[in-house]
Amino acid sequence: MLPVFALVSWHRLVKLQCRLVGHETDETLQRDLSWAKGQALRHVAKDVVDAVCKLAELCMQKASLERYAERKQPLVFLPRPQ
C-alpha cells in the first residue's frame, strides 16, 4: 500500500495528464506534468508511471471523441442542404 502522499502525487499526475489532452501546446501544463511525473517517480517505477499516463491520455481522448459521436441523434452532425 502506498503512503497517503504517494497517492496524492498519483492523483495529481492523472489529473494533469487528463487536462493536457487537447492542450498539448500549453507550456504551463507541460511543466506541471513534468513536475508531477517526477514526484510520482519517487514512489514507483518509470514503466508504471508511463503506463498510467498513457491510460489517462487514452481515456480522455475517448471521452472527447464520445462527445462528438452523439448516439442519440447522429443526424444532427450531417450538413443540412441550404
PDB file of N, CA and C in Angstrom:
ATOM      1  N   MET A   1       0.843  -1.184   0.000  1.00  0.00           N
ATOM      2  CA  MET A   1       0.000   0.000   0.000  1.00  0.00           C
ATOM      3  C   MET A   1       0.882   1.240   0.000  1.00  0.00           C
ATOM      4  N   LEU A   2       0.558   2.173  -0.865  1.00  0.00           N
ATOM      5  CA  LEU A   2       1.315   3.416  -0.937  1.00  0.00           C
ATOM      6  C   LEU A   2       0.918   4.356   0.193  1.00  0.00           C
ATOM      7  N   PRO A   3       1.863   5.152   0.676  1.00  0.00           N
ATOM      8  CA  PRO A   3       1.513   6.162   1.680  1.00  0.00           C
ATOM      9  C   PRO A   3       0.578   7.218   1.082  1.00  0.00           C
ATOM     10  N   VAL A   4      -0.048   7.983   1.948  1.00  0.00           N
ATOM     11  CA  VAL A   4      -1.030   8.976   1.510  1.00  0.00           C
ATOM     12  C   VAL A   4      -0.401   9.992   0.557  1.00  0.00           C
ATOM     13  N   PHE A   5       0.796  10.478   0.862  1.00  0.00           N
ATOM     14  CA  PHE A   5       1.413  11.482  -0.007  1.00  0.00           C
ATOM     15  C   PHE A   5       1.736  10.906  -1.381  1.00  0.00           C
ATOM     16  N   ALA A   6       1.977   9.596  -1.465  1.00  0.00           N
ATOM     17  CA  ALA A   6       2.203   8.963  -2.768  1.00  0.00           C
ATOM     18  C   ALA A   6       0.899   8.920  -3.565  1.00  0.00           C
ATOM     19  N   LEU A   7      -0.198   8.636  -2.886  1.00  0.00           N
ATOM     20  CA  LEU A   7      -1.496   8.613  -3.567  1.00  0.00           C
ATOM     21  C   LEU A   7      -1.885  10.005  -4.058  1.00  0.00           C
ATOM     22  N   VAL A   8      -1.541  11.018  -3.278  1.00  0.00           N
ATOM     23  CA  VAL A   8      -1.819  12.394  -3.697  1.00  0.00           C
ATOM     24  C   VAL A   8      -1.020  12.737  -4.951  1.00  0.00           C
ATOM     25  N   SER A   9       0.231  12.296  -5.002  1.00  0.00           N
ATOM     26  CA  SER A   9       1.041  12.576  -6.193  1.00  0.00           C
ATOM     27  C   SER A   9       0.490  11.831  -7.409  1.00  0.00           C
ATOM     28  N   TRP A  10      -0.035  10.624  -7.210  1.00  0.00           N
ATOM     29  CA  TRP A  10      -0.662   9.879  -8.312  1.00  0.00           C
ATOM     30  C   TRP A  10      -1.903  10.604  -8.810  1.00  0.00           C
ATOM     31  N   HIS A  11      -2.709  11.071  -7.882  1.00  0.00           N
ATOM     32  CA  HIS A  11      -3.927  11.796  -8.251  1.00  0.00           C
ATOM     33  C   HIS A  11      -3.568  13.042  -9.058  1.00  0.00           C
ATOM     34  N   ARG A  12      -2.574  13.776  -8.619  1.00  0.00           N
ATOM     35  CA  ARG A  12      -2.136  14.981  -9.316  1.00  0.00           C
ATOM     36  C   ARG A  12      -1.634  14.637 -10.723  1.00  0.00           C
ATOM     37  N   LEU A  13      -0.876  13.551 -10.827  1.00  0.00           N
ATOM     38  CA  LEU A  13      -0.332  13.133 -12.123  1.00  0.00           C
ATOM     39  C   LEU A  13      -1.452  12.816 -13.114  1.00  0.00           C
ATOM     40  N   VAL A  14      -2.417  12.025 -12.686  1.00  0.00           N
ATOM     41  CA  VAL A  14      -3.519  11.637 -13.578  1.00  0.00           C
ATOM     42  C   VAL A  14      -4.350  12.862 -13.957  1.00  0.00           C
ATOM     43  N   LYS A  15      -4.608  13.724 -12.991  1.00  0.00           N
ATOM     44  CA  LYS A  15      -5.394  14.924 -13.261  1.00  0.00           C
ATOM     45  C   LYS A  15      -4.702  15.824 -14.290  1.00  0.00           C
ATOM     46  N   LEU A  16      -3.404  16.012 -14.131  1.00  0.00           N
ATOM     47  CA  LEU A  16      -2.666  16.853 -15.073  1.00  0.00           C
ATOM     48  C   LEU A  16      -2.572  16.209 -16.452  1.00  0.00           C
ATOM     49  N   GLN A  17      -2.396  14.897 -16.486  1.00  0.00           N
ATOM     50  CA  GLN A  17      -2.341  14.209 -17.786  1.00  0.00           C
ATOM     51  C   GLN A  17      -3.673  14.352 -18.510  1.00  0.00           C
ATOM     52  N   CYS A  18      -4.766  14.257 -17.780  1.00  0.00           N
ATOM     53  CA  CYS A  18      -6.086  14.408 -18.392  1.00  0.00           C
ATOM     54  C   CYS A  18      -6.299  15.833 -18.903  1.00  0.00           C
ATOM     55  N   ARG A  19      -5.851  16.823 -18.135  1.00  0.00           N
ATOM     56  CA  ARG A  19      -6.003  18.216 -18.563  1.00  0.00           C
ATOM     57  C   ARG A  19      -5.174  18.523 -19.798  1.00  0.00           C
ATOM     58  N   LEU A  20      -4.077  17.822 -19.966  1.00  0.00           N
ATOM     59  CA  LEU A  20      -3.174  18.090 -21.080  1.00  0.00           C
ATOM     60  C   LEU A  20      -3.766  17.674 -22.425  1.00  0.00           C
ATOM     61  N   VAL A  21      -4.654  16.685 -22.417  1.00  0.00           N
ATOM     62  CA  VAL A  21      -5.246  16.204 -23.676  1.00  0.00           C
ATOM     63  C   VAL A  21      -6.070  17.335 -24.298  1.00  0.00           C
ATOM     64  N   GLY A  22      -5.719  17.679 -25.506  1.00  0.00           N
ATOM     65  CA  GLY A  22      -6.379  18.781 -26.192  1.00  0.00           C
ATOM     66  C   GLY A  22      -5.669  20.105 -26.012  1.00  0.00           C
ATOM     67  N   HIS A  23      -4.726  20.153 -25.090  1.00  0.00           N
ATOM     68  CA  HIS A  23      -3.969  21.382 -24.821  1.00  0.00           C
ATOM     69  C   HIS A  23      -2.476  21.068 -24.792  1.00  0.00           C
ATOM     70  N   GLU A  24      -2.019  20.288 -25.753  1.00  0.00           N
ATOM     71  CA  GLU A  24      -0.637  19.809 -25.751  1.00  0.00           C
ATOM     72  C   GLU A  24       0.389  20.926 -25.903  1.00  0.00           C
ATOM     73  N   THR A  25      -0.008  22.065 -26.434  1.00  0.00           N
ATOM     74  CA  THR A  25       0.944  23.158 -26.636  1.00  0.00           C
ATOM     75  C   THR A  25       1.055  24.085 -25.431  1.00  0.00           C
ATOM     76  N   ASP A  26       0.268  23.856 -24.410  1.00  0.00           N
ATOM     77  CA  ASP A  26       0.295  24.699 -23.210  1.00  0.00           C
ATOM     78  C   ASP A  26       1.554  24.398 -22.401  1.00  0.00           C
ATOM     79  N   GLU A  27       2.463  25.357 -22.360  1.00  0.00           N
ATOM     80  CA  GLU A  27       3.742  25.150 -21.680  1.00  0.00           C
ATOM     81  C   GLU A  27       3.575  24.986 -20.173  1.00  0.00           C
ATOM     82  N   THR A  28       2.608  25.672 -19.595  1.00  0.00           N
ATOM     83  CA  THR A  28       2.383  25.567 -18.157  1.00  0.00           C
ATOM     84  C   THR A  28       1.943  24.162 -17.781  1.00  0.00           C
ATOM     85  N   LEU A  29       1.014  23.602 -18.547  1.00  0.00           N
ATOM     86  CA  LEU A  29       0.566  22.237 -18.275  1.00  0.00           C
ATOM     87  C   LEU A  29       1.696  21.242 -18.487  1.00  0.00           C
ATOM     88  N   GLN A  30       2.508  21.462 -19.510  1.00  0.00           N
ATOM     89  CA  GLN A  30       3.656  20.579 -19.756  1.00  0.00           C
ATOM     90  C   GLN A  30       4.612  20.606 -18.566  1.00  0.00           C
ATOM     91  N   ARG A  31       4.892  21.800 -18.070  1.00  0.00           N
ATOM     92  CA  ARG A  31       5.801  21.940 -16.934  1.00  0.00           C
ATOM     93  C   ARG A  31       5.220  21.290 -15.675  1.00  0.00           C
ATOM     94  N   ASP A  32       3.935  21.518 -15.429  1.00  0.00           N
ATOM     95  CA  ASP A  32       3.292  20.924 -14.256  1.00  0.00           C
ATOM     96  C   ASP A  32       3.272  19.400 -14.343  1.00  0.00           C
ATOM     97  N   LEU A  33       3.015  18.874 -15.539  1.00  0.00           N
ATOM     98  CA  LEU A  33       3.003  17.422 -15.719  1.00  0.00           C
ATOM     99  C   LEU A  33       4.394  16.839 -15.501  1.00  0.00           C
ATOM    100  N   SER A  34       5.394  17.532 -15.981  1.00  0.00           N
ATOM    101  CA  SER A  34       6.770  17.069 -15.783  1.00  0.00           C
ATOM    102  C   SER A  34       7.108  17.002 -14.294  1.00  0.00           C
ATOM    103  N   TRP A  35       6.691  18.007 -13.554  1.00  0.00           N
ATOM    104  CA  TRP A  35       6.928  18.017 -12.105  1.00  0.00           C
ATOM    105  C   TRP A  35       6.167  16.872 -11.426  1.00  0.00           C
ATOM    106  N   ALA A  36       4.905  16.668 -11.828  1.00  0.00           N
ATOM    107  CA  ALA A  36       4.094  15.605 -11.229  1.00  0.00           C
ATOM    108  C   ALA A  36       4.682  14.230 -11.532  1.00  0.00           C
ATOM    109  N   LYS A  37       5.223  14.054 -12.735  1.00  0.00           N
ATOM    110  CA  LYS A  37       5.873  12.780 -13.062  1.00  0.00           C
ATOM    111  C   LYS A  37       7.084  12.556 -12.169  1.00  0.00           C
ATOM    112  N   GLY A  38       7.844  13.606 -11.932  1.00  0.00           N
ATOM    113  CA  GLY A  38       8.999  13.494 -11.043  1.00  0.00           C
ATOM    114  C   GLY A  38       8.597  13.092  -9.638  1.00  0.00           C
ATOM    115  N   GLN A  39       7.502  13.649  -9.152  1.00  0.00           N
ATOM    116  CA  GLN A  39       7.009  13.291  -7.824  1.00  0.00           C
ATOM    117  C   GLN A  39       6.548  11.835  -7.784  1.00  0.00           C
ATOM    118  N   ALA A  40       5.861  11.396  -8.830  1.00  0.00           N
ATOM    119  CA  ALA A  40       5.367  10.017  -8.872  1.00  0.00           C
ATOM    120  C   ALA A  40       6.515   9.023  -8.998  1.00  0.00           C
ATOM    121  N   LEU A  41       7.576   9.416  -9.700  1.00  0.00           N
ATOM    122  CA  LEU A  41       8.723   8.519  -9.876  1.00  0.00           C
ATOM    123  C   LEU A  41       9.456   8.249  -8.569  1.00  0.00           C
ATOM    124  N   ARG A  42       9.218   9.044  -7.563  1.00  0.00           N
ATOM    125  CA  ARG A  42       9.814   8.793  -6.244  1.00  0.00           C
ATOM    126  C   ARG A  42       9.250   7.531  -5.603  1.00  0.00           C
ATOM    127  N   HIS A  43       8.040   7.149  -6.024  1.00  0.00           N
ATOM    128  CA  HIS A  43       7.328   6.068  -5.341  1.00  0.00           C
ATOM    129  C   HIS A  43       7.201   4.790  -6.164  1.00  0.00           C
ATOM    130  N   VAL A  44       7.216   4.909  -7.487  1.00  0.00           N
ATOM    131  CA  VAL A  44       7.044   3.730  -8.344  1.00  0.00           C
ATOM    132  C   VAL A  44       7.993   3.799  -9.538  1.00  0.00           C
ATOM    133  N   ALA A  45       8.069   2.701 -10.267  1.00  0.00           N
ATOM    134  CA  ALA A  45       8.972   2.597 -11.416  1.00  0.00           C
ATOM    135  C   ALA A  45       8.487   3.454 -12.589  1.00  0.00           C
ATOM    136  N   LYS A  46       9.426   3.822 -13.444  1.00  0.00           N
ATOM    137  CA  LYS A  46       9.126   4.662 -14.604  1.00  0.00           C
ATOM    138  C   LYS A  46       8.130   3.988 -15.541  1.00  0.00           C
ATOM    139  N   ASP A  47       8.230   2.679 -15.710  1.00  0.00           N
ATOM    140  CA  ASP A  47       7.301   1.963 -16.590  1.00  0.00           C
ATOM    141  C   ASP A  47       5.860   2.118 -16.119  1.00  0.00           C
ATOM    142  N   VAL A  48       5.660   2.074 -14.821  1.00  0.00           N
ATOM    143  CA  VAL A  48       4.312   2.198 -14.261  1.00  0.00           C
ATOM    144  C   VAL A  48       3.786   3.614 -14.481  1.00  0.00           C
ATOM    145  N   VAL A  49       4.629   4.602 -14.245  1.00  0.00           N
ATOM    146  CA  VAL A  49       4.223   5.997 -14.451  1.00  0.00           C
ATOM    147  C   VAL A  49       3.861   6.230 -15.917  1.00  0.00           C
ATOM    148  N   ASP A  50       4.683   5.731 -16.822  1.00  0.00           N
ATOM    149  CA  ASP A  50       4.401   5.893 -18.253  1.00  0.00           C
ATOM    150  C   ASP A  50       3.096   5.203 -18.646  1.00  0.00           C
ATOM    151  N   ALA A  51       2.853   4.018 -18.096  1.00  0.00           N
ATOM    152  CA  ALA A  51       1.618   3.288 -18.411  1.00  0.00           C
ATOM    153  C   ALA A  51       0.391   4.037 -17.898  1.00  0.00           C
ATOM    154  N   VAL A  52       0.474   4.571 -16.694  1.00  0.00           N
ATOM    155  CA  VAL A  52      -0.653   5.315 -16.125  1.00  0.00           C
ATOM    156  C   VAL A  52      -0.924   6.573 -16.944  1.00  0.00           C
ATOM    157  N   CYS A  53       0.134   7.260 -17.351  1.00  0.00           N
ATOM    158  CA  CYS A  53      -0.037   8.463 -18.179  1.00  0.00           C
ATOM    159  C   CYS A  53      -0.682   8.122 -19.516  1.00  0.00           C
ATOM    160  N   LYS A  54      -0.248   7.048 -20.123  1.00  0.00           N
ATOM    161  CA  LYS A  54      -0.813   6.643 -21.415  1.00  0.00           C
ATOM    162  C   LYS A  54      -2.284   6.259 -21.270  1.00  0.00           C
ATOM    163  N   LEU A  55      -2.620   5.527 -20.205  1.00  0.00           N
ATOM    164  CA  LEU A  55      -4.018   5.147 -19.979  1.00  0.00           C
ATOM    165  C   LEU A  55      -4.892   6.369 -19.737  1.00  0.00           C
ATOM    166  N   ALA A  56      -4.400   7.315 -18.956  1.00  0.00           N
ATOM    167  CA  ALA A  56      -5.167   8.538 -18.698  1.00  0.00           C
ATOM    168  C   ALA A  56      -5.372   9.322 -19.991  1.00  0.00           C
ATOM    169  N   GLU A  57      -4.334   9.391 -20.808  1.00  0.00           N
ATOM    170  CA  GLU A  57      -4.435  10.098 -22.087  1.00  0.00           C
ATOM    171  C   GLU A  57      -5.465   9.431 -22.994  1.00  0.00           C
ATOM    172  N   LEU A  58      -5.426   8.108 -23.081  1.00  0.00           N
ATOM    173  CA  LEU A  58      -6.374   7.389 -23.935  1.00  0.00           C
ATOM    174  C   LEU A  58      -7.807   7.540 -23.436  1.00  0.00           C
ATOM    175  N   CYS A  59      -7.999   7.520 -22.126  1.00  0.00           N
ATOM    176  CA  CYS A  59      -9.348   7.686 -21.567  1.00  0.00           C
ATOM    177  C   CYS A  59      -9.906   9.070 -21.889  1.00  0.00           C
ATOM    178  N   MET A  60      -9.066  10.103 -21.805  1.00  0.00           N
ATOM    179  CA  MET A  60      -9.536  11.448 -22.115  1.00  0.00           C
ATOM    180  C   MET A  60      -9.806  11.615 -23.608  1.00  0.00           C
ATOM    181  N   GLN A  61      -8.985  10.993 -24.446  1.00  0.00           N
ATOM    182  CA  GLN A  61      -9.248  11.041 -25.884  1.00  0.00           C
ATOM    183  C   GLN A  61     -10.562  10.344 -26.204  1.00  0.00           C
ATOM    184  N   LYS A  62     -10.817   9.238 -25.528  1.00  0.00           N
ATOM    185  CA  LYS A  62     -12.067   8.505 -25.722  1.00  0.00           C
ATOM    186  C   LYS A  62     -13.256   9.372 -25.315  1.00  0.00           C
ATOM    187  N   ALA A  63     -13.146  10.022 -24.166  1.00  0.00           N
ATOM    188  CA  ALA A  63     -14.234  10.878 -23.697  1.00  0.00           C
ATOM    189  C   ALA A  63     -14.470  12.038 -24.657  1.00  0.00           C
ATOM    190  N   SER A  64     -13.393  12.600 -25.163  1.00  0.00           N
ATOM    191  CA  SER A  64     -13.515  13.708 -26.107  1.00  0.00           C
ATOM    192  C   SER A  64     -14.187  13.253 -27.396  1.00  0.00           C
ATOM    193  N   LEU A  65     -13.794  12.097 -27.901  1.00  0.00           N
ATOM    194  CA  LEU A  65     -14.402  11.586 -29.130  1.00  0.00           C
ATOM    195  C   LEU A  65     -15.861  11.205 -28.927  1.00  0.00           C
ATOM    196  N   GLU A  66     -16.201  10.706 -27.745  1.00  0.00           N
ATOM    197  CA  GLU A  66     -17.588  10.334 -27.482  1.00  0.00           C
ATOM    198  C   GLU A  66     -18.492  11.556 -27.453  1.00  0.00           C
ATOM    199  N   ARG A  67     -17.946  12.697 -27.076  1.00  0.00           N
ATOM    200  CA  ARG A  67     -18.754  13.916 -27.100  1.00  0.00           C
ATOM    201  C   ARG A  67     -19.163  14.266 -28.525  1.00  0.00           C
ATOM    202  N   TYR A  68     -18.270  14.004 -29.471  1.00  0.00           N
ATOM    203  CA  TYR A  68     -18.577  14.291 -30.870  1.00  0.00           C
ATOM    204  C   TYR A  68     -19.473  13.228 -31.494  1.00  0.00           C
ATOM    205  N   ALA A  69     -19.448  12.041 -30.970  1.00  0.00           N
ATOM    206  CA  ALA A  69     -20.226  10.940 -31.541  1.00  0.00           C
ATOM    207  C   ALA A  69     -21.514  10.758 -30.751  1.00  0.00           C
ATOM    208  N   GLU A  70     -22.330  11.763 -30.761  1.00  0.00           N
ATOM    209  CA  GLU A  70     -23.598  11.713 -30.034  1.00  0.00           C
ATOM    210  C   GLU A  70     -24.441  10.569 -30.583  1.00  0.00           C
ATOM    211  N   ARG A  71     -24.791   9.644 -29.723  1.00  0.00           N
ATOM    212  CA  ARG A  71     -25.518   8.459 -30.164  1.00  0.00           C
ATOM    213  C   ARG A  71     -27.028   8.695 -30.250  1.00  0.00           C
ATOM    214  N   LYS A  72     -27.526   9.706 -29.567  1.00  0.00           N
ATOM    215  CA  LYS A  72     -28.969   9.916 -29.553  1.00  0.00           C
ATOM    216  C   LYS A  72     -29.478  10.427 -30.899  1.00  0.00           C
ATOM    217  N   GLN A  73     -28.789  11.398 -31.471  1.00  0.00           N
ATOM    218  CA  GLN A  73     -29.215  11.963 -32.740  1.00  0.00           C
ATOM    219  C   GLN A  73     -28.001  12.186 -33.639  1.00  0.00           C
ATOM    220  N   PRO A  74     -27.465  11.125 -34.232  1.00  0.00           N
ATOM    221  CA  PRO A  74     -26.271  11.288 -35.069  1.00  0.00           C
ATOM    222  C   PRO A  74     -26.525  12.111 -36.329  1.00  0.00           C
ATOM    223  N   LEU A  75     -27.773  12.233 -36.757  1.00  0.00           N
ATOM    224  CA  LEU A  75     -28.065  13.002 -37.966  1.00  0.00           C
ATOM    225  C   LEU A  75     -27.848  14.497 -37.762  1.00  0.00           C
ATOM    226  N   VAL A  76     -27.780  14.933 -36.534  1.00  0.00           N
ATOM    227  CA  VAL A  76     -27.537  16.340 -36.239  1.00  0.00           C
ATOM    228  C   VAL A  76     -26.214  16.797 -36.836  1.00  0.00           C
ATOM    229  N   PHE A  77     -25.262  15.907 -36.945  1.00  0.00           N
ATOM    230  CA  PHE A  77     -23.936  16.264 -37.415  1.00  0.00           C
ATOM    231  C   PHE A  77     -23.807  16.265 -38.938  1.00  0.00           C
ATOM    232  N   LEU A  78     -24.833  15.817 -39.649  1.00  0.00           N
ATOM    233  CA  LEU A  78     -24.795  15.856 -41.108  1.00  0.00           C
ATOM    234  C   LEU A  78     -25.068  17.279 -41.585  1.00  0.00           C
ATOM    235  N   PRO A  79     -24.381  17.712 -42.614  1.00  0.00           N
ATOM    236  CA  PRO A  79     -24.647  19.063 -43.132  1.00  0.00           C
ATOM    237  C   PRO A  79     -26.045  19.133 -43.735  1.00  0.00           C
ATOM    238  N   ARG A  80     -26.717  20.212 -43.460  1.00  0.00           N
ATOM    239  CA  ARG A  80     -28.072  20.396 -43.986  1.00  0.00           C
ATOM    240  C   ARG A  80     -28.006  21.170 -45.300  1.00  0.00           C
ATOM    241  N   PRO A  81     -28.779  20.730 -46.297  1.00  0.00           N
ATOM    242  CA  PRO A  81     -28.793  21.481 -47.566  1.00  0.00           C
ATOM    243  C   PRO A  81     -29.454  22.839 -47.363  1.00  0.00           C
ATOM    244  N   GLN A  82     -28.941  23.825 -48.031  1.00  0.00           N
ATOM    245  CA  GLN A  82     -29.462  25.196 -47.898  1.00  0.00           C
ATOM    246  C   GLN A  82     -30.597  25.451 -48.845  1.00  0.00           C
TER     247      GLN A  82
END
